[in-house]
Every structure is written in C-alpha cells, then in structure tokens.
C-alpha atoms as a PDB file:
ATOM      1  CA  MET A   1    -113.395   2.371 129.859  1.00  0.00           C
ATOM      2  CA  HIS A   2    -113.946   2.760 133.004  1.00  0.00           C
ATOM      3  CA  ASP A   3    -112.128   3.279 136.300  1.00  0.00           C
ATOM      4  CA  THR A   4    -112.165   2.901 139.943  1.00  0.00           C
ATOM      5  CA  ILE A   5    -113.531   5.948 140.423  1.00  0.00           C
ATOM      6  CA  GLN A   6    -116.715   6.620 138.805  1.00  0.00           C
ATOM      7  CA  ILE A   7    -117.237   2.700 140.060  1.00  0.00           C
ATOM      8  CA  LEU A   8    -116.718   4.394 143.590  1.00  0.00           C
ATOM      9  CA  LYS A   9    -119.020   7.496 143.036  1.00  0.00           C
ATOM     10  CA  ASN A  10    -121.647   5.137 141.821  1.00  0.00           C
ATOM     11  CA  VAL A  11    -121.427   2.864 145.117  1.00  0.00           C
ATOM     12  CA  GLN A  12    -121.684   6.222 146.625  1.00  0.00           C
ATOM     13  CA  ARG A  13    -124.610   7.660 145.033  1.00  0.00           C
ATOM     14  CA  LEU A  14    -126.429   3.946 145.780  1.00  0.00           C
ATOM     15  CA  TYR A  15    -126.452   4.866 148.880  1.00  0.00           C
ATOM     16  CA  GLU A  16    -126.948   7.987 148.931  1.00  0.00           C
ATOM     17  CA  ASN A  17    -130.840   7.269 147.415  1.00  0.00           C
ATOM     18  CA  SER A  18    -132.409   4.708 148.979  1.00  0.00           C
ATOM     19  CA  GLY A  19    -135.024   4.560 146.130  1.00  0.00           C
ATOM     20  CA  GLN A  20    -132.107   3.424 144.229  1.00  0.00           C
ATOM     21  CA  LEU A  21    -130.462   0.937 146.269  1.00  0.00           C
ATOM     22  CA  LYS A  22    -134.046  -1.080 146.810  1.00  0.00           C
ATOM     23  CA  ILE A  23    -134.199  -1.189 143.120  1.00  0.00           C
ATOM     24  CA  LEU A  24    -130.388  -2.874 143.040  1.00  0.00           C
ATOM     25  CA  THR A  25    -131.828  -5.148 145.564  1.00  0.00           C
ATOM     26  CA  ASP A  26    -134.927  -5.612 143.563  1.00  0.00           C
ATOM     27  CA  PHE A  27    -132.688  -6.427 140.460  1.00  0.00           C
ATOM     28  CA  GLU A  28    -130.664  -9.131 142.343  1.00  0.00           C
ATOM     29  CA  ARG A  29    -133.730 -10.939 144.087  1.00  0.00           C
ATOM     30  CA  VAL A  30    -134.761 -11.076 140.169  1.00  0.00           C
ATOM     31  CA  PHE A  31    -131.227 -12.975 139.746  1.00  0.00           C
ATOM     32  CA  ASP A  32    -131.423 -15.074 142.765  1.00  0.00           C
ATOM     33  CA  ARG A  33    -134.885 -16.351 142.127  1.00  0.00           C
ATOM     34  CA  LEU A  34    -133.773 -17.373 138.598  1.00  0.00           C
ATOM     35  CA  ASP A  35    -130.799 -19.796 140.341  1.00  0.00           C
ATOM     36  CA  LEU A  36    -128.387 -17.640 138.078  1.00  0.00           C
ATOM     37  CA  TYR A  37    -125.348 -17.954 141.030  1.00  0.00           C
ATOM     38  CA  LEU A  38    -125.717 -21.387 140.070  1.00  0.00           C
ATOM     39  CA  TYR A  39    -124.045 -20.255 136.837  1.00  0.00           C
ATOM     40  CA  GLU A  40    -120.329 -20.591 136.994  1.00  0.00           C
ATOM     41  CA  ASN A  41    -119.001 -16.895 138.198  1.00  0.00           C
ATOM     42  CA  TRP A  42    -122.276 -15.351 138.338  1.00  0.00           C
ATOM     43  CA  LYS A  43    -121.847 -14.259 142.314  1.00  0.00           C
ATOM     44  CA  TYR A  44    -118.357 -12.631 141.610  1.00  0.00           C
ATOM     45  CA  GLY A  45    -120.193  -9.875 139.660  1.00  0.00           C
ATOM     46  CA  GLU A  46    -118.871  -6.484 140.896  1.00  0.00           C
ATOM     47  CA  LEU A  47    -121.844  -2.982 140.032  1.00  0.00           C
ATOM     48  CA  ILE A  48    -119.853  -1.028 137.538  1.00  0.00           C
ATOM     49  CA  ASN A  49    -122.881   1.096 136.058  1.00  0.00           C
ATOM     50  CA  GLY A  50    -126.628   1.442 137.639  1.00  0.00           C
ATOM     51  CA  PRO A  51    -129.013   0.713 138.137  1.00  0.00           C
ATOM     52  CA  VAL A  52    -130.335   2.942 135.198  1.00  0.00           C
ATOM     53  CA  VAL A  53    -133.900   3.231 135.692  1.00  0.00           C
ATOM     54  CA  GLU A  54    -136.327   4.772 132.585  1.00  0.00           C
ATOM     55  CA  ARG A  55    -139.909   4.286 131.585  1.00  0.00           C
ATOM     56  CA  HIS A  56    -140.772   0.785 130.998  1.00  0.00           C
ATOM     57  CA  ARG A  57    -136.752  -0.787 132.261  1.00  0.00           C
ATOM     58  CA  VAL A  58    -133.957  -0.754 134.845  1.00  0.00           C
ATOM     59  CA  THR A  59    -130.158  -1.358 132.915  1.00  0.00           C
ATOM     60  CA  CYS A  60    -127.531  -2.347 135.223  1.00  0.00           C
ATOM     61  CA  SER A  61    -123.970  -3.230 134.191  1.00  0.00           C
ATOM     62  CA  PHE A  62    -121.595  -6.291 135.840  1.00  0.00           C
ATOM     63  CA  MET A  63    -117.959  -6.267 135.551  1.00  0.00           C
ATOM     64  CA  TRP A  64    -115.817  -9.623 136.037  1.00  0.00           C
ATOM     65  CA  LYS A  65    -111.362  -9.906 135.789  1.00  0.00           C
ATOM     66  CA  MET A  66    -110.816 -11.634 132.233  1.00  0.00           C
ATOM     67  CA  ASP A  67    -110.223 -15.026 134.029  1.00  0.00           C
ATOM     68  CA  GLU A  68    -113.683 -15.377 135.226  1.00  0.00           C
ATOM     69  CA  MET A  69    -116.520 -15.043 132.869  1.00  0.00           C
ATOM     70  CA  PRO A  70    -119.710 -15.835 133.937  1.00  0.00           C
ATOM     71  CA  ASN A  71    -121.328 -18.469 132.160  1.00  0.00           C
ATOM     72  CA  PRO A  72    -123.330 -17.525 128.896  1.00  0.00           C
ATOM     73  CA  GLN A  73    -125.767 -19.792 129.691  1.00  0.00           C
ATOM     74  CA  GLY A  74    -126.639 -17.680 132.825  1.00  0.00           C
ATOM     75  CA  GLY A  75    -127.131 -15.017 130.066  1.00  0.00           C
ATOM     76  CA  THR A  76    -129.788 -17.195 128.617  1.00  0.00           C
ATOM     77  CA  ARG A  77    -131.499 -17.497 131.043  1.00  0.00           C
ATOM     78  CA  LEU A  78    -132.397 -14.311 132.034  1.00  0.00           C
ATOM     79  CA  ILE A  79    -133.346 -13.637 128.198  1.00  0.00           C
ATOM     80  CA  GLU A  80    -135.807 -16.222 128.829  1.00  0.00           C
ATOM     81  CA  ASN A  81    -137.670 -14.401 130.885  1.00  0.00           C
ATOM     82  CA  GLY A  82    -137.267 -11.570 129.273  1.00  0.00           C
ATOM     83  CA  CYS A  83    -134.318  -9.020 129.749  1.00  0.00           C
ATOM     84  CA  ASN A  84    -131.695  -8.172 126.903  1.00  0.00           C
ATOM     85  CA  VAL A  85    -128.070  -9.150 127.644  1.00  0.00           C
ATOM     86  CA  LEU A  86    -124.925  -8.180 126.262  1.00  0.00           C
ATOM     87  CA  PHE A  87    -121.512  -9.457 127.042  1.00  0.00           C
ATOM     88  CA  LYS A  88    -118.449  -7.522 125.836  1.00  0.00           C
ATOM     89  CA  LYS A  89    -114.730  -7.052 126.239  1.00  0.00           C
ATOM     90  CA  ASP A  90    -113.849  -3.398 128.115  1.00  0.00           C
ATOM     91  CA  LYS A  91    -111.060  -2.210 130.413  1.00  0.00           C
ATOM     92  CA  LEU A  92    -110.749  -0.742 133.800  1.00  0.00           C
ATOM     93  CA  LEU A  93    -108.081   1.943 134.669  1.00  0.00           C
ATOM     94  CA  GLU A  94    -106.505   0.666 137.977  1.00  0.00           C
ATOM     95  CA  PRO A  95    -104.160   2.547 140.487  1.00  0.00           C
ATOM     96  CA  ARG A  96    -100.365   1.619 139.690  1.00  0.00           C
ATOM     97  CA  LYS A  97     -98.351  -0.146 142.938  1.00  0.00           C
ATOM     98  CA  ILE A  98     -96.359   2.531 143.783  1.00  0.00           C
ATOM     99  CA  GLU A  99     -92.403   1.319 143.554  1.00  0.00           C
ATOM    100  CA  SER A 100     -91.318   3.805 142.251  1.00  0.00           C
ATOM    101  CA  TYR A 101     -90.639   7.508 141.053  1.00  0.00           C
ATOM    102  CA  SER A 102     -91.874   6.664 137.892  1.00  0.00           C
ATOM    103  CA  ASP A 103     -95.791   5.039 138.972  1.00  0.00           C
ATOM    104  CA  TYR A 104     -96.229   8.419 139.830  1.00  0.00           C
ATOM    105  CA  ARG A 105     -98.441  11.007 137.581  1.00  0.00           C
ATOM    106  CA  PRO A 106     -96.384  14.258 136.715  1.00  0.00           C
ATOM    107  CA  GLY A 107     -96.636  16.729 139.138  1.00  0.00           C
ATOM    108  CA  THR A 108     -98.480  14.790 141.667  1.00  0.00           C
ATOM    109  CA  LYS A 109     -98.148  12.540 143.865  1.00  0.00           C
ATOM    110  CA  LYS A 110    -100.909   9.993 142.951  1.00  0.00           C
ATOM    111  CA  PRO A 111    -100.277   6.835 141.050  1.00  0.00           C
ATOM    112  CA  LYS A 112    -100.569   6.354 137.047  1.00  0.00           C
ATOM    113  CA  PHE A 113    -103.643   4.015 136.049  1.00  0.00           C
ATOM    114  CA  ASP A 114    -103.202   1.482 134.139  1.00  0.00           C
ATOM    115  CA  PRO A 115    -105.601  -0.773 132.491  1.00  0.00           C
ATOM    116  CA  THR A 116    -107.016  -3.961 133.206  1.00  0.00           C
ATOM    117  CA  PRO A 117    -108.807  -6.423 131.161  1.00  0.00           C
ATOM    118  CA  ILE A 118    -112.345  -7.174 132.208  1.00  0.00           C
ATOM    119  CA  TRP A 119    -115.804  -8.385 131.264  1.00  0.00           C
ATOM    120  CA  ILE A 120    -118.738  -6.377 131.538  1.00  0.00           C
ATOM    121  CA  VAL A 121    -122.159  -7.610 131.024  1.00  0.00           C
ATOM    122  CA  GLU A 122    -124.907  -5.219 130.769  1.00  0.00           C
ATOM    123  CA  VAL A 123    -128.345  -6.851 131.480  1.00  0.00           C
ATOM    124  CA  VAL A 124    -131.559  -4.464 130.414  1.00  0.00           C
ATOM    125  CA  MET A 125    -134.441  -6.032 132.828  1.00  0.00           C
ATOM    126  CA  PRO A 126    -138.250  -4.852 132.064  1.00  0.00           C
ATOM    127  CA  LYS A 127    -140.234  -3.101 134.900  1.00  0.00           C
ATOM    128  CA  PRO A 128    -142.553  -5.940 134.739  1.00  0.00           C
ATOM    129  CA  VAL A 129    -139.959  -9.242 134.936  1.00  0.00           C
ATOM    130  CA  LEU A 130    -138.901  -7.030 137.841  1.00  0.00           C
ATOM    131  CA  ARG A 131    -142.131  -6.704 139.899  1.00  0.00           C
ATOM    132  CA  SER A 132    -143.151 -10.410 139.017  1.00  0.00           C
ATOM    133  CA  PHE A 133    -140.417 -11.054 141.434  1.00  0.00           C
ATOM    134  CA  GLY A 134    -141.344  -9.085 144.268  1.00  0.00           C
ATOM    135  CA  GLN A 135    -141.319 -10.253 147.617  1.00  0.00           C
ATOM    136  CA  GLY A 136    -144.874  -9.644 148.753  1.00  0.00           C
ATOM    137  CA  LYS A 137    -148.224  -8.803 146.621  1.00  0.00           C
ATOM    138  CA  GLU A 138    -147.934  -4.992 147.354  1.00  0.00           C
ATOM    139  CA  ASP A 139    -144.445  -5.246 144.784  1.00  0.00           C
ATOM    140  CA  VAL A 140    -146.183  -6.838 142.089  1.00  0.00           C
ATOM    141  CA  MET A 141    -149.182  -4.223 141.895  1.00  0.00           C
ATOM    142  CA  GLU A 142    -149.279  -2.886 138.271  1.00  0.00           C
ATOM    143  CA  ASP A 143    -147.869   0.667 138.194  1.00  0.00           C
ATOM    144  CA  GLN A 144    -148.703   2.808 135.979  1.00  0.00           C
ATOM    145  CA  THR A 145    -147.881   6.446 137.498  1.00  0.00           C
ATOM    146  CA  PHE A 146    -145.595   7.146 134.131  1.00  0.00           C
ATOM    147  CA  LEU A 147    -149.090   7.626 132.363  1.00  0.00           C
ATOM    148  CA  ASP A 148    -149.105  11.082 133.438  1.00  0.00           C
ATOM    149  CA  THR A 149    -145.425  11.906 132.799  1.00  0.00           C
ATOM    150  CA  SER A 150    -144.394  12.831 128.791  1.00  0.00           C
ATOM    151  CA  ILE A 151    -143.344  10.044 126.676  1.00  0.00           C
ATOM    152  CA  GLU A 152    -139.550   9.924 125.021  1.00  0.00           C
ATOM    153  CA  LYS A 153    -137.935   8.692 122.762  1.00  0.00           C
ATOM    154  CA  GLY A 154    -137.032   5.099 122.504  1.00  0.00           C
ATOM    155  CA  ASP A 155    -139.347   4.414 125.313  1.00  0.00           C
ATOM    156  CA  LEU A 156    -140.930   1.645 123.964  1.00  0.00           C
ATOM    157  CA  ARG A 157    -138.244   0.605 121.612  1.00  0.00           C
ATOM    158  CA  ASP A 158    -138.488  -3.560 122.002  1.00  0.00           C
ATOM    159  CA  TYR A 159    -141.776  -3.526 123.913  1.00  0.00           C
ATOM    160  CA  VAL A 160    -143.913  -2.885 120.433  1.00  0.00           C
ATOM    161  CA  GLY A 161    -144.463  -5.625 117.672  1.00  0.00           C
ATOM    162  CA  PRO A 162    -143.221  -4.770 113.993  1.00  0.00           C
ATOM    163  CA  THR A 163    -146.323  -5.603 112.398  1.00  0.00           C
ATOM    164  CA  PHE A 164    -149.396  -3.482 112.961  1.00  0.00           C
ATOM    165  CA  GLY A 165    -153.401  -4.649 111.847  1.00  0.00           C
ATOM    166  CA  VAL A 166    -155.483  -2.805 109.729  1.00  0.00           C
ATOM    167  CA  ASP A 167    -159.414  -3.849 109.422  1.00  0.00           C
ATOM    168  CA  ARG A 168    -158.091  -7.326 111.245  1.00  0.00           C
ATOM    169  CA  TYR A 169    -161.124  -6.516 114.313  1.00  0.00           C
ATOM    170  CA  LYS A 170    -164.507  -6.140 114.322  1.00  0.00           C
ATOM    171  CA  SER A 171    -165.307  -1.858 115.568  1.00  0.00           C
ATOM    172  CA  LYS A 172    -166.597  -1.155 119.041  1.00  0.00           C
ATOM    173  CA  MET A 173    -167.249   1.854 117.957  1.00  0.00           C
ATOM    174  CA  GLY A 174    -169.532   1.373 114.891  1.00  0.00           C
ATOM    175  CA  GLU A 175    -170.329  -0.367 111.513  1.00  0.00           C
ATOM    176  CA  ASP A 176    -166.919  -1.746 110.072  1.00  0.00           C
ATOM    177  CA  LYS A 177    -167.662  -0.179 106.543  1.00  0.00           C
ATOM    178  CA  ASP A 178    -167.090   3.482 108.707  1.00  0.00           C
ATOM    179  CA  ILE A 179    -164.523   3.257 110.866  1.00  0.00           C
ATOM    180  CA  ILE A 180    -161.047   1.690 110.468  1.00  0.00           C
ATOM    181  CA  VAL A 181    -159.175  -0.383 113.271  1.00  0.00           C
ATOM    182  CA  LEU A 182    -155.517  -0.499 114.172  1.00  0.00           C
ATOM    183  CA  ASP A 183    -154.428  -3.573 116.166  1.00  0.00           C
ATOM    184  CA  PHE A 184    -151.165  -3.541 117.748  1.00  0.00           C
ATOM    185  CA  ASP A 185    -148.972  -6.051 119.780  1.00  0.00           C
ATOM    186  CA  THR A 186    -146.896  -5.243 122.783  1.00  0.00           C
ATOM    187  CA  LYS A 187    -145.308  -7.144 125.347  1.00  0.00           C
ATOM    188  CA  TYR A 188    -146.291  -6.610 128.719  1.00  0.00           C
ATOM    189  CA  ILE A 189    -149.830  -4.218 130.184  1.00  0.00           C
ATOM    190  CA  ASP A 190    -147.443  -1.168 130.871  1.00  0.00           C
ATOM    191  CA  VAL A 191    -146.261  -0.969 128.014  1.00  0.00           C
ATOM    192  CA  ALA A 192    -149.734  -1.459 125.673  1.00  0.00           C
ATOM    193  CA  LYS A 193    -151.755   1.059 128.415  1.00  0.00           C
ATOM    194  CA  ASP A 194    -148.975   3.944 127.981  1.00  0.00           C
ATOM    195  CA  LEU A 195    -149.479   3.111 124.285  1.00  0.00           C
ATOM    196  CA  GLU A 196    -153.249   3.376 124.561  1.00  0.00           C
ATOM    197  CA  ASN A 197    -152.759   7.033 126.680  1.00  0.00           C
ATOM    198  CA  PHE A 198    -150.445   8.078 123.469  1.00  0.00           C
ATOM    199  CA  ILE A 199    -152.910   6.838 121.139  1.00  0.00           C
ATOM    200  CA  GLU A 200    -155.929   8.304 122.567  1.00  0.00           C
ATOM    201  CA  ARG A 201    -154.483  11.736 123.717  1.00  0.00           C
ATOM    202  CA  GLY A 202    -152.367  12.383 120.981  1.00  0.00           C
ATOM    203  CA  TYR A 203    -154.597  12.531 117.676  1.00  0.00           C
ATOM    204  CA  ASN A 204    -157.867  14.176 116.494  1.00  0.00           C
ATOM    205  CA  GLU A 205    -159.262  11.809 114.855  1.00  0.00           C
ATOM    206  CA  VAL A 206    -158.953   8.698 116.597  1.00  0.00           C
ATOM    207  CA  LEU A 207    -162.673   7.217 118.337  1.00  0.00           C
ATOM    208  CA  ASP A 208    -161.135   5.088 120.746  1.00  0.00           C
ATOM    209  CA  ALA A 209    -157.784   3.624 122.224  1.00  0.00           C
ATOM    210  CA  ASP A 210    -158.673   0.301 124.126  1.00  0.00           C
ATOM    211  CA  SER A 211    -155.799  -2.108 125.442  1.00  0.00           C
ATOM    212  CA  VAL A 212    -156.638  -5.732 126.551  1.00  0.00           C
ATOM    213  CA  SER A 213    -155.845  -6.527 130.267  1.00  0.00           C
ATOM    214  CA  ALA A 214    -154.800 -10.404 129.132  1.00  0.00           C
ATOM    215  CA  SER A 215    -152.273 -11.698 126.886  1.00  0.00           C
ATOM    216  CA  ASN A 216    -153.053 -13.364 123.493  1.00  0.00           C
ATOM    217  CA  ARG A 217    -151.984 -17.183 122.746  1.00  0.00           C
ATOM    218  CA  ALA A 218    -148.441 -15.296 121.547  1.00  0.00           C
ATOM    219  CA  GLY A 219    -147.916 -13.864 125.066  1.00  0.00           C
ATOM    220  CA  ASN A 220    -148.462 -10.072 123.808  1.00  0.00           C
ATOM    221  CA  TYR A 221    -151.173  -7.846 124.676  1.00  0.00           C
ATOM    222  CA  LYS A 222    -153.104  -6.237 122.129  1.00  0.00           C
ATOM    223  CA  VAL A 223    -153.663  -2.504 122.022  1.00  0.00           C
ATOM    224  CA  PHE A 224    -156.633  -0.987 119.740  1.00  0.00           C
ATOM    225  CA  ALA A 225    -157.112   2.406 117.568  1.00  0.00           C
ATOM    226  CA  GLU A 226    -160.386   3.105 115.764  1.00  0.00           C
ATOM    227  CA  PHE A 227    -160.458   6.487 113.279  1.00  0.00           C
ATOM    228  CA  PRO A 228    -163.373   7.332 110.834  1.00  0.00           C
ATOM    229  CA  ARG A 229    -162.904   6.038 107.533  1.00  0.00           C
ATOM    230  CA  THR A 230    -161.787   8.753 105.896  1.00  0.00           C
ATOM    231  CA  ARG A 231    -158.735  10.081 103.215  1.00  0.00           C
ATOM    232  CA  LYS A 232    -158.036  12.661 106.489  1.00  0.00           C
ATOM    233  CA  SER A 233    -157.856   9.706 109.024  1.00  0.00           C
ATOM    234  CA  VAL A 234    -155.099   7.993 106.317  1.00  0.00           C
ATOM    235  CA  GLN A 235    -152.698  10.851 107.127  1.00  0.00           C
ATOM    236  CA  GLU A 236    -153.642  10.670 111.035  1.00  0.00           C
ATOM    237  CA  ILE A 237    -152.519   6.898 110.914  1.00  0.00           C
ATOM    238  CA  ASP A 238    -149.170   7.717 108.639  1.00  0.00           C
ATOM    239  CA  ASN A 239    -148.584  10.620 111.565  1.00  0.00           C
ATOM    240  CA  LEU A 240    -148.906   8.067 114.064  1.00  0.00           C
ATOM    241  CA  ILE A 241    -146.789   5.348 112.542  1.00  0.00           C
ATOM    242  CA  SER A 242    -143.789   8.101 112.246  1.00  0.00           C
ATOM    243  CA  GLU A 243    -144.234   9.236 115.774  1.00  0.00           C
ATOM    244  CA  LEU A 244    -144.571   5.257 116.748  1.00  0.00           C
ATOM    245  CA  LYS A 245    -141.301   5.109 114.660  1.00  0.00           C
ATOM    246  CA  LEU A 246    -139.541   7.475 116.952  1.00  0.00           C
ATOM    247  CA  LEU A 247    -141.011   5.387 120.450  1.00  0.00           C
ATOM    248  CA  THR A 248    -139.800   2.592 119.558  1.00  0.00           C
ATOM    249  CA  LEU A 249    -136.391   3.531 117.132  1.00  0.00           C
ATOM    250  CA  LYS A 250    -137.902   0.857 114.755  1.00  0.00           C
ATOM    251  CA  GLU A 251    -136.804   2.259 111.027  1.00  0.00           C
ATOM    252  CA  ASN A 252    -139.795   0.706 109.569  1.00  0.00           C
ATOM    253  CA  PHE A 253    -143.482  -1.226 110.365  1.00  0.00           C
ATOM    254  CA  GLN A 254    -144.985  -3.836 108.594  1.00  0.00           C
ATOM    255  CA  PHE A 255    -148.927  -4.380 108.133  1.00  0.00           C
ATOM    256  CA  LYS A 256    -151.419  -6.822 108.276  1.00  0.00           C
ATOM    257  CA  PHE A 257    -155.103  -6.009 105.926  1.00  0.00           C
ATOM    258  CA  TYR A 258    -157.895  -7.726 106.905  1.00  0.00           C
ATOM    259  CA  LYS A 259    -158.293 -11.581 106.640  1.00  0.00           C
ATOM    260  CA  ASP A 260    -154.532 -11.068 104.248  1.00  0.00           C
ATOM    261  CA  SER A 261    -151.769 -13.214 105.041  1.00  0.00           C
ATOM    262  CA  GLN A 262    -149.289 -10.892 103.248  1.00  0.00           C
ATOM    263  CA  ARG A 263    -146.991  -8.648 105.173  1.00  0.00           C
ATOM    264  CA  TYR A 264    -147.254  -5.265 103.668  1.00  0.00           C
ATOM    265  CA  ASP A 265    -143.987  -3.108 103.818  1.00  0.00           C
ATOM    266  CA  TYR A 266    -145.168   0.392 105.330  1.00  0.00           C
ATOM    267  CA  ASP A 267    -145.608   3.794 103.849  1.00  0.00           C
ATOM    268  CA  VAL A 268    -148.774   5.848 103.404  1.00  0.00           C
ATOM    269  CA  ASN A 269    -149.324   5.316 100.079  1.00  0.00           C
ATOM    270  CA  THR A 270    -149.335   1.348 100.262  1.00  0.00           C
ATOM    271  CA  LEU A 271    -151.861   1.693 102.796  1.00  0.00           C
ATOM    272  CA  GLN A 272    -154.324   3.703 100.468  1.00  0.00           C
ATOM    273  CA  ASN A 273    -154.001   1.180  98.113  1.00  0.00           C
ATOM    274  CA  VAL A 274    -154.482  -1.523 100.086  1.00  0.00           C
ATOM    275  CA  MET A 275    -156.860  -0.833 102.394  1.00  0.00           C
ATOM    276  CA  ALA A 276    -160.474   0.833 101.864  1.00  0.00           C
ATOM    277  CA  VAL A 277    -160.537   4.917 102.379  1.00  0.00           C
ATOM    278  CA  SER A 278    -164.526   4.957 102.313  1.00  0.00           C
ATOM    279  CA  PRO A 279    -167.365   3.311 103.134  1.00  0.00           C
ATOM    280  CA  LEU A 280    -168.608   2.481  99.869  1.00  0.00           C
ATOM    281  CA  GLN A 281    -165.113   1.213  98.966  1.00  0.00           C
ATOM    282  CA  TYR A 282    -165.147  -1.192 102.211  1.00  0.00           C
ATOM    283  CA  THR A 283    -168.510  -2.184 101.004  1.00  0.00           C
ATOM    284  CA  ASN A 284    -167.886  -2.774  97.615  1.00  0.00           C
ATOM    285  CA  GLU A 285    -164.152  -4.260  97.247  1.00  0.00           C
ATOM    286  CA  VAL A 286    -163.405  -5.864 101.114  1.00  0.00           C
ATOM    287  CA  VAL A 287    -167.060  -7.439 102.468  1.00  0.00           C
END
C-alpha cells in the first residue's frame, strides 16, 4: 500500500538530486523511443517509486487508476527489449474530502486517508538498455566504473545463464590436458566484465579470466575462467559456483562437459565424476 505523502517525498527527492532526475529522463526516453505511449493509457502513468539504481539495472514503478490499466502489450514491448515488467494491483491512501467532523483523524485537524484501488507497473531496465537509447554518442559509451566497487549479493541476477561449460573450449594458457576451462553466458558486456573481474580477483588458483567483447549467435557474452587441472582447483571451482549462486540468486546451476550434450545438475561430486581432474585422466579418458 502506498500513500500520497510518500509519492510527494519521492518527487521532491528527485528534484533535489539532478543525477536521479537525469536517470528518470533517460528512463522515459526509452519509453518514448519504443513508442510505448502509443499503447492505451501508458501516457497516464505517474511515478510512484524510483528510480532505484543498482549495479546493472534501474527500477521505476508507475501507478494508474484502476479503470485506466495500461495496455499489457506495452509491457510486452519492454520485455522484448530486455526489461522485466510486473503488473500488480495495489491501493493508494488518499486524503478524504472533509465534509464532517468524522472525516478528521482523532485529535487532529488532518483528514483521514481512504484506500483507492490502483494499478502498479514495476519496470526493471538493464543499464545497457538505458544507455542504448541515449541522446548522443557519449551517452552510449560503456560505463565500467562499477568495477572499482564491491560486488554484492544479487547484483548479477537475471543476467547470467543457468548452465556453464567445462572443457568445451581450448585453453589460452597451455595444453588442454593441464588446464580446466570454464565458460559462462552473460546477457550484457558490462555483466561479462563484472564476472571476469570477480573471478580474476577472487580466486588464488585461477590462471586467467577473460570476457569476449562481442556477443555470440545466441546474443550472449562469454566469460572464460582457466584453472590448473588438479583436485585443489575442483574445490576452488566449487567455491566459485557457491558464490555465483549468491550473486545471481540462483539456487542451482547445471553444467555441460566437453562435447557431451547432456546437462548435469551441479554439485562438486558430480563435477569430479564427470570431468577429468588430472592431466593423465584427461589424456586417457577424454581425448
């Protein structure tokens, strides 16, 4: 439930912070460039919360009167362009029109609040989408200042694929029999850079972490991590997947090994049973 005072405070905060106001302007520019206002009632939306700025996304919530629900096709248009959209019913507390003494809150000269049914549409927009609709060339340049700040739980949610590869690509650091190569799919280049940076800084056994600056046929950006082919590295990989679950808020991952098309539910025992954990085992059983 929301109230009018909260909404006014949110608007006041926007006008006191030019950076936030610019982000909202950029947010609404995306709506305009996607012709969202052609869809019924979208132009009547009022900001109720946000913009809430996170590491890789910006969230804004808008409200409509119950009889002015925005056309869901507009939400589909946003989803097709990489956004997450949630429609939900809620209530707005509005001050009652004073007509009698009973309309005042007890002991005050302030009106009571009455709940009014409304529609809320929450739009979560990836920062790359926000930038791609910028006004000029300087607006679409990749901003990687986030690499200098600490990554937190949930920062990579929705943007890292649920399946990673093991030994499906050749190593850059040496012979394949000596090195385990992991590959991950990410939706955006800045997420790929973030994951690359996280792996490279966070694990002693990692030999190299790298991301590809061009998307593949599926539209994803690959991140690679290379480890020595030892049992110690298996434990390090298990630590990586455990922490990746926190960053992505995923409960489970799957993996594919070498040329095998089967997807395996990840746990460290399955990984050790499926992959080669020594150069000799790789030579004898994989190649």
